[in-house]
Amino acid sequence: MQIYITLLRGVNVGGNNKIDMKRLKEVFANAGFVNVQTYINSGNVIFSSNKDAVTVQTQCEDLIAEQFGLNIAVAVLTAQELSEALDHTPDWWGNTPDTKHNAIFVIPPAKAEAVCAEVGDIKPEYEKVAYHGKLIFWSAPVKTFAKTRWSTIAKQATYQKITIRNSNTAFKLAELSKE
């Protein structure tokens, strides 16, 4: 049985796409997923399943549409994929105060390399970016965030291919998926 982490895109942000995490947990458990747990209110679900990742992604998206009436894209990765990506964390990511450290999860079938190419060259004086597997590591000082290339991603079609969490959430999801 494989441990999966699913990250729902755009859930409970700015009062939109509201999903109660307790109900989401029940929906996933009733669908046959095992050891279901949610983490914070942004649509992070950890569970076990014998199904492959593509099937899990489709099933999760279908469940959300059927049970909540929302067409939400879902990033799916195994606990092993997340752990491996975090093992390749750049030295500059996740540990500098007054800096935004985002974990940008790529939603299949998109690929991290293609997403980075679509966003374009970074502005190295303001931001840093690297990727491993389905996870893009991005950091920028809070005071110059608006000057970064990645700050404009919400205005691009590429934005629909990702879901973003902060570094603390990424590390916590990895920790919870090991328990």
C-alpha atoms as a PDB file:
ATOM      1  CA  MET A   1       0.000   0.000   0.000  1.00  0.00           C
ATOM      2  CA  GLN A   2       1.309   3.433  -0.995  1.00  0.00           C
ATOM      3  CA  ILE A   3       1.105   6.573   1.155  1.00  0.00           C
ATOM      4  CA  TYR A   4      -0.138   9.556  -0.863  1.00  0.00           C
ATOM      5  CA  ILE A   5      -0.244  13.263  -0.236  1.00  0.00           C
ATOM      6  CA  THR A   6      -2.876  15.181  -2.160  1.00  0.00           C
ATOM      7  CA  LEU A   7      -2.904  18.952  -2.327  1.00  0.00           C
ATOM      8  CA  LEU A   8      -6.136  20.536  -3.492  1.00  0.00           C
ATOM      9  CA  ARG A   9      -5.606  23.642  -5.593  1.00  0.00           C
ATOM     10  CA  GLY A  10      -7.264  26.884  -4.485  1.00  0.00           C
ATOM     11  CA  VAL A  11      -9.279  25.522  -1.561  1.00  0.00           C
ATOM     12  CA  ASN A  12     -10.461  27.858   1.228  1.00  0.00           C
ATOM     13  CA  VAL A  13      -8.524  30.812  -0.198  1.00  0.00           C
ATOM     14  CA  GLY A  14     -10.115  34.224   0.162  1.00  0.00           C
ATOM     15  CA  GLY A  15     -13.478  32.675   1.027  1.00  0.00           C
ATOM     16  CA  ASN A  16     -13.610  30.739  -2.262  1.00  0.00           C
ATOM     17  CA  ASN A  17     -13.925  27.004  -2.923  1.00  0.00           C
ATOM     18  CA  LYS A  18     -14.860  26.264   0.667  1.00  0.00           C
ATOM     19  CA  ILE A  19     -14.376  22.687   1.776  1.00  0.00           C
ATOM     20  CA  ASP A  20     -14.708  21.543   5.373  1.00  0.00           C
ATOM     21  CA  MET A  21     -11.649  19.422   6.190  1.00  0.00           C
ATOM     22  CA  LYS A  22     -13.587  17.097   8.513  1.00  0.00           C
ATOM     23  CA  ARG A  23     -16.076  16.354   5.748  1.00  0.00           C
ATOM     24  CA  LEU A  24     -13.257  15.983   3.204  1.00  0.00           C
ATOM     25  CA  LYS A  25     -11.628  13.394   5.449  1.00  0.00           C
ATOM     26  CA  GLU A  26     -14.923  11.483   5.698  1.00  0.00           C
ATOM     27  CA  VAL A  27     -15.436  11.598   1.916  1.00  0.00           C
ATOM     28  CA  PHE A  28     -11.956  10.192   1.284  1.00  0.00           C
ATOM     29  CA  ALA A  29     -12.392   7.471   3.926  1.00  0.00           C
ATOM     30  CA  ASN A  30     -15.801   6.503   2.512  1.00  0.00           C
ATOM     31  CA  ALA A  31     -14.188   6.216  -0.939  1.00  0.00           C
ATOM     32  CA  GLY A  32     -11.903   3.474   0.363  1.00  0.00           C
ATOM     33  CA  PHE A  33      -8.745   5.416   1.158  1.00  0.00           C
ATOM     34  CA  VAL A  34      -7.051   4.209   4.363  1.00  0.00           C
ATOM     35  CA  ASN A  35      -5.607   6.128   7.335  1.00  0.00           C
ATOM     36  CA  VAL A  36      -6.970   9.424   6.020  1.00  0.00           C
ATOM     37  CA  GLN A  37      -5.816  12.600   7.726  1.00  0.00           C
ATOM     38  CA  THR A  38      -5.997  16.255   6.768  1.00  0.00           C
ATOM     39  CA  TYR A  39      -3.567  18.996   7.645  1.00  0.00           C
ATOM     40  CA  ILE A  40      -4.632  22.627   8.110  1.00  0.00           C
ATOM     41  CA  ASN A  41      -7.472  24.179   6.171  1.00  0.00           C
ATOM     42  CA  SER A  42      -5.846  24.457   2.735  1.00  0.00           C
ATOM     43  CA  GLY A  43      -6.783  21.066   1.320  1.00  0.00           C
ATOM     44  CA  ASN A  44      -3.906  18.795   2.278  1.00  0.00           C
ATOM     45  CA  VAL A  45      -4.865  15.132   2.624  1.00  0.00           C
ATOM     46  CA  ILE A  46      -2.634  12.185   3.499  1.00  0.00           C
ATOM     47  CA  PHE A  47      -3.842   8.612   3.064  1.00  0.00           C
ATOM     48  CA  SER A  48      -2.903   5.136   1.870  1.00  0.00           C
ATOM     49  CA  SER A  49      -4.138   3.353  -1.245  1.00  0.00           C
ATOM     50  CA  ASN A  50      -3.237   0.408  -3.464  1.00  0.00           C
ATOM     51  CA  LYS A  51      -4.067   2.457  -6.579  1.00  0.00           C
ATOM     52  CA  ASP A  52      -1.522   4.177  -8.818  1.00  0.00           C
ATOM     53  CA  ALA A  53      -1.045   7.965  -8.671  1.00  0.00           C
ATOM     54  CA  VAL A  54      -2.930   8.721 -11.893  1.00  0.00           C
ATOM     55  CA  THR A  55      -5.964   6.770 -10.691  1.00  0.00           C
ATOM     56  CA  VAL A  56      -5.776   8.441  -7.265  1.00  0.00           C
ATOM     57  CA  GLN A  57      -5.625  11.905  -8.847  1.00  0.00           C
ATOM     58  CA  THR A  58      -8.656  11.209 -11.046  1.00  0.00           C
ATOM     59  CA  GLN A  59     -10.611   9.655  -8.181  1.00  0.00           C
ATOM     60  CA  CYS A  60      -9.868  12.597  -5.854  1.00  0.00           C
ATOM     61  CA  GLU A  61     -10.874  15.177  -8.453  1.00  0.00           C
ATOM     62  CA  ASP A  62     -14.077  13.214  -9.167  1.00  0.00           C
ATOM     63  CA  LEU A  63     -14.898  12.928  -5.440  1.00  0.00           C
ATOM     64  CA  ILE A  64     -14.510  16.665  -4.942  1.00  0.00           C
ATOM     65  CA  ALA A  65     -16.728  17.414  -7.933  1.00  0.00           C
ATOM     66  CA  GLU A  66     -19.394  14.923  -6.819  1.00  0.00           C
ATOM     67  CA  GLN A  67     -19.375  15.654  -3.092  1.00  0.00           C
ATOM     68  CA  PHE A  68     -18.586  19.377  -3.010  1.00  0.00           C
ATOM     69  CA  GLY A  69     -19.638  20.568  -6.483  1.00  0.00           C
ATOM     70  CA  LEU A  70     -16.175  21.979  -7.188  1.00  0.00           C
ATOM     71  CA  ASN A  71     -13.855  21.344 -10.114  1.00  0.00           C
ATOM     72  CA  ILE A  72     -10.593  21.396  -8.199  1.00  0.00           C
ATOM     73  CA  ALA A  73      -7.263  20.247  -9.608  1.00  0.00           C
ATOM     74  CA  VAL A  74      -5.290  17.997  -7.280  1.00  0.00           C
ATOM     75  CA  ALA A  75      -1.532  17.513  -7.028  1.00  0.00           C
ATOM     76  CA  VAL A  76      -0.745  13.947  -6.002  1.00  0.00           C
ATOM     77  CA  LEU A  77       2.587  12.615  -4.894  1.00  0.00           C
ATOM     78  CA  THR A  78       3.748   9.713  -2.824  1.00  0.00           C
ATOM     79  CA  ALA A  79       5.306  10.174   0.588  1.00  0.00           C
ATOM     80  CA  GLN A  80       8.507   8.842  -0.973  1.00  0.00           C
ATOM     81  CA  GLU A  81       8.417  11.465  -3.760  1.00  0.00           C
ATOM     82  CA  LEU A  82       7.960  14.275  -1.239  1.00  0.00           C
ATOM     83  CA  SER A  83      10.693  12.939   1.018  1.00  0.00           C
ATOM     84  CA  GLU A  84      13.086  12.574  -1.909  1.00  0.00           C
ATOM     85  CA  ALA A  85      12.343  16.095  -3.153  1.00  0.00           C
ATOM     86  CA  LEU A  86      12.939  17.512   0.325  1.00  0.00           C
ATOM     87  CA  ASP A  87      16.217  15.582   0.483  1.00  0.00           C
ATOM     88  CA  HIS A  88      17.258  17.787  -2.457  1.00  0.00           C
ATOM     89  CA  THR A  89      16.243  21.044  -0.798  1.00  0.00           C
ATOM     90  CA  PRO A  90      18.617  23.853  -1.808  1.00  0.00           C
ATOM     91  CA  ASP A  91      20.635  25.352   1.053  1.00  0.00           C
ATOM     92  CA  TRP A  92      18.910  28.705   0.607  1.00  0.00           C
ATOM     93  CA  TRP A  93      15.352  27.365   0.863  1.00  0.00           C
ATOM     94  CA  GLY A  94      13.230  27.316   3.983  1.00  0.00           C
ATOM     95  CA  ASN A  95      15.504  28.797   6.597  1.00  0.00           C
ATOM     96  CA  THR A  96      16.026  32.526   5.987  1.00  0.00           C
ATOM     97  CA  PRO A  97      13.942  34.952   8.060  1.00  0.00           C
ATOM     98  CA  ASP A  98      12.031  37.755   6.290  1.00  0.00           C
ATOM     99  CA  THR A  99      11.931  35.590   3.169  1.00  0.00           C
ATOM    100  CA  LYS A 100       9.035  33.805   1.455  1.00  0.00           C
ATOM    101  CA  HIS A 101       9.896  30.145   0.958  1.00  0.00           C
ATOM    102  CA  ASN A 102       7.281  28.473  -1.231  1.00  0.00           C
ATOM    103  CA  ALA A 103       6.888  24.840  -2.142  1.00  0.00           C
ATOM    104  CA  ILE A 104       5.278  24.893  -5.566  1.00  0.00           C
ATOM    105  CA  PHE A 105       3.703  21.514  -6.287  1.00  0.00           C
ATOM    106  CA  VAL A 106       3.229  20.705  -9.947  1.00  0.00           C
ATOM    107  CA  ILE A 107      -0.107  19.157 -10.884  1.00  0.00           C
ATOM    108  CA  PRO A 108       0.296  16.234 -13.295  1.00  0.00           C
ATOM    109  CA  PRO A 109       0.477  15.918 -16.234  1.00  0.00           C
ATOM    110  CA  ALA A 110       2.509  19.161 -16.032  1.00  0.00           C
ATOM    111  CA  LYS A 111       6.230  18.842 -15.300  1.00  0.00           C
ATOM    112  CA  ALA A 112       8.373  21.102 -13.083  1.00  0.00           C
ATOM    113  CA  GLU A 113      10.893  21.841 -15.828  1.00  0.00           C
ATOM    114  CA  ALA A 114       8.140  22.940 -18.219  1.00  0.00           C
ATOM    115  CA  VAL A 115       6.448  25.100 -15.565  1.00  0.00           C
ATOM    116  CA  CYS A 116       9.758  26.851 -14.832  1.00  0.00           C
ATOM    117  CA  ALA A 117      10.322  27.422 -18.546  1.00  0.00           C
ATOM    118  CA  GLU A 118       6.817  28.887 -18.954  1.00  0.00           C
ATOM    119  CA  VAL A 119       7.359  31.317 -16.075  1.00  0.00           C
ATOM    120  CA  GLY A 120      10.639  32.391 -17.653  1.00  0.00           C
ATOM    121  CA  ASP A 121      14.029  33.384 -16.378  1.00  0.00           C
ATOM    122  CA  ILE A 122      14.100  34.404 -12.755  1.00  0.00           C
ATOM    123  CA  LYS A 123      15.404  37.733 -11.520  1.00  0.00           C
ATOM    124  CA  PRO A 124      18.400  36.431  -9.535  1.00  0.00           C
ATOM    125  CA  GLU A 125      18.800  39.675  -7.634  1.00  0.00           C
ATOM    126  CA  TYR A 126      15.342  39.111  -6.105  1.00  0.00           C
ATOM    127  CA  GLU A 127      14.578  35.368  -6.153  1.00  0.00           C
ATOM    128  CA  LYS A 128      15.943  31.851  -6.277  1.00  0.00           C
ATOM    129  CA  VAL A 129      14.336  28.778  -7.823  1.00  0.00           C
ATOM    130  CA  ALA A 130      15.199  25.102  -8.162  1.00  0.00           C
ATOM    131  CA  TYR A 131      13.199  21.924  -8.575  1.00  0.00           C
ATOM    132  CA  HIS A 132      13.274  18.217  -7.936  1.00  0.00           C
ATOM    133  CA  GLY A 133      10.568  15.846  -9.116  1.00  0.00           C
ATOM    134  CA  LYS A 134       7.122  17.433  -8.746  1.00  0.00           C
ATOM    135  CA  LEU A 135       8.308  20.144  -6.348  1.00  0.00           C
ATOM    136  CA  ILE A 136       9.646  23.585  -7.231  1.00  0.00           C
ATOM    137  CA  PHE A 137      11.556  25.410  -4.498  1.00  0.00           C
ATOM    138  CA  TRP A 138      11.193  29.194  -4.642  1.00  0.00           C
ATOM    139  CA  SER A 139      12.443  31.892  -2.274  1.00  0.00           C
ATOM    140  CA  ALA A 140      12.407  35.686  -2.267  1.00  0.00           C
ATOM    141  CA  PRO A 141      12.811  38.370   0.386  1.00  0.00           C
ATOM    142  CA  VAL A 142       9.399  39.646   1.512  1.00  0.00           C
ATOM    143  CA  LYS A 143      10.403  43.274   0.897  1.00  0.00           C
ATOM    144  CA  THR A 144      11.202  42.680  -2.799  1.00  0.00           C
ATOM    145  CA  PHE A 145       8.623  39.959  -3.514  1.00  0.00           C
ATOM    146  CA  ALA A 146       6.682  42.140  -5.968  1.00  0.00           C
ATOM    147  CA  LYS A 147       9.791  42.512  -8.152  1.00  0.00           C
ATOM    148  CA  THR A 148      10.185  38.771  -8.720  1.00  0.00           C
ATOM    149  CA  ARG A 149       9.301  36.906 -11.894  1.00  0.00           C
ATOM    150  CA  TRP A 150       7.350  34.303  -9.889  1.00  0.00           C
ATOM    151  CA  SER A 151       5.179  36.940  -8.193  1.00  0.00           C
ATOM    152  CA  THR A 152       3.389  37.361 -11.530  1.00  0.00           C
ATOM    153  CA  ILE A 153       2.534  33.681 -11.979  1.00  0.00           C
ATOM    154  CA  ALA A 154      -1.085  34.224 -10.881  1.00  0.00           C
ATOM    155  CA  LYS A 155      -1.568  36.213 -14.104  1.00  0.00           C
ATOM    156  CA  GLN A 156      -0.310  33.365 -16.288  1.00  0.00           C
ATOM    157  CA  ALA A 157      -1.999  30.199 -17.580  1.00  0.00           C
ATOM    158  CA  THR A 158       0.810  28.292 -15.847  1.00  0.00           C
ATOM    159  CA  TYR A 159      -0.827  29.128 -12.497  1.00  0.00           C
ATOM    160  CA  GLN A 160      -3.486  26.478 -13.185  1.00  0.00           C
ATOM    161  CA  LYS A 161      -0.749  23.804 -13.281  1.00  0.00           C
ATOM    162  CA  ILE A 162       0.470  24.325  -9.710  1.00  0.00           C
ATOM    163  CA  THR A 163      -0.590  24.599  -6.093  1.00  0.00           C
ATOM    164  CA  ILE A 164       1.529  26.460  -3.568  1.00  0.00           C
ATOM    165  CA  ARG A 165       2.300  25.789   0.081  1.00  0.00           C
ATOM    166  CA  ASN A 166       4.916  27.375   2.315  1.00  0.00           C
ATOM    167  CA  SER A 167       8.055  25.502   3.304  1.00  0.00           C
ATOM    168  CA  ASN A 168       6.745  24.771   6.806  1.00  0.00           C
ATOM    169  CA  THR A 169       3.703  23.022   5.349  1.00  0.00           C
ATOM    170  CA  ALA A 170       5.848  20.965   2.960  1.00  0.00           C
ATOM    171  CA  PHE A 171       8.075  19.777   5.819  1.00  0.00           C
ATOM    172  CA  LYS A 172       5.048  19.030   8.031  1.00  0.00           C
ATOM    173  CA  LEU A 173       3.344  16.999   5.295  1.00  0.00           C
ATOM    174  CA  ALA A 174       6.510  14.929   4.908  1.00  0.00           C
ATOM    175  CA  GLU A 175       6.619  14.378   8.665  1.00  0.00           C
ATOM    176  CA  LEU A 176       2.945  13.390   8.874  1.00  0.00           C
ATOM    177  CA  SER A 177       3.283  10.983   5.953  1.00  0.00           C
ATOM    178  CA  LYS A 178       5.944   9.053   7.878  1.00  0.00           C
ATOM    179  CA  GLU A 179       3.751   8.472  10.937  1.00  0.00           C
END
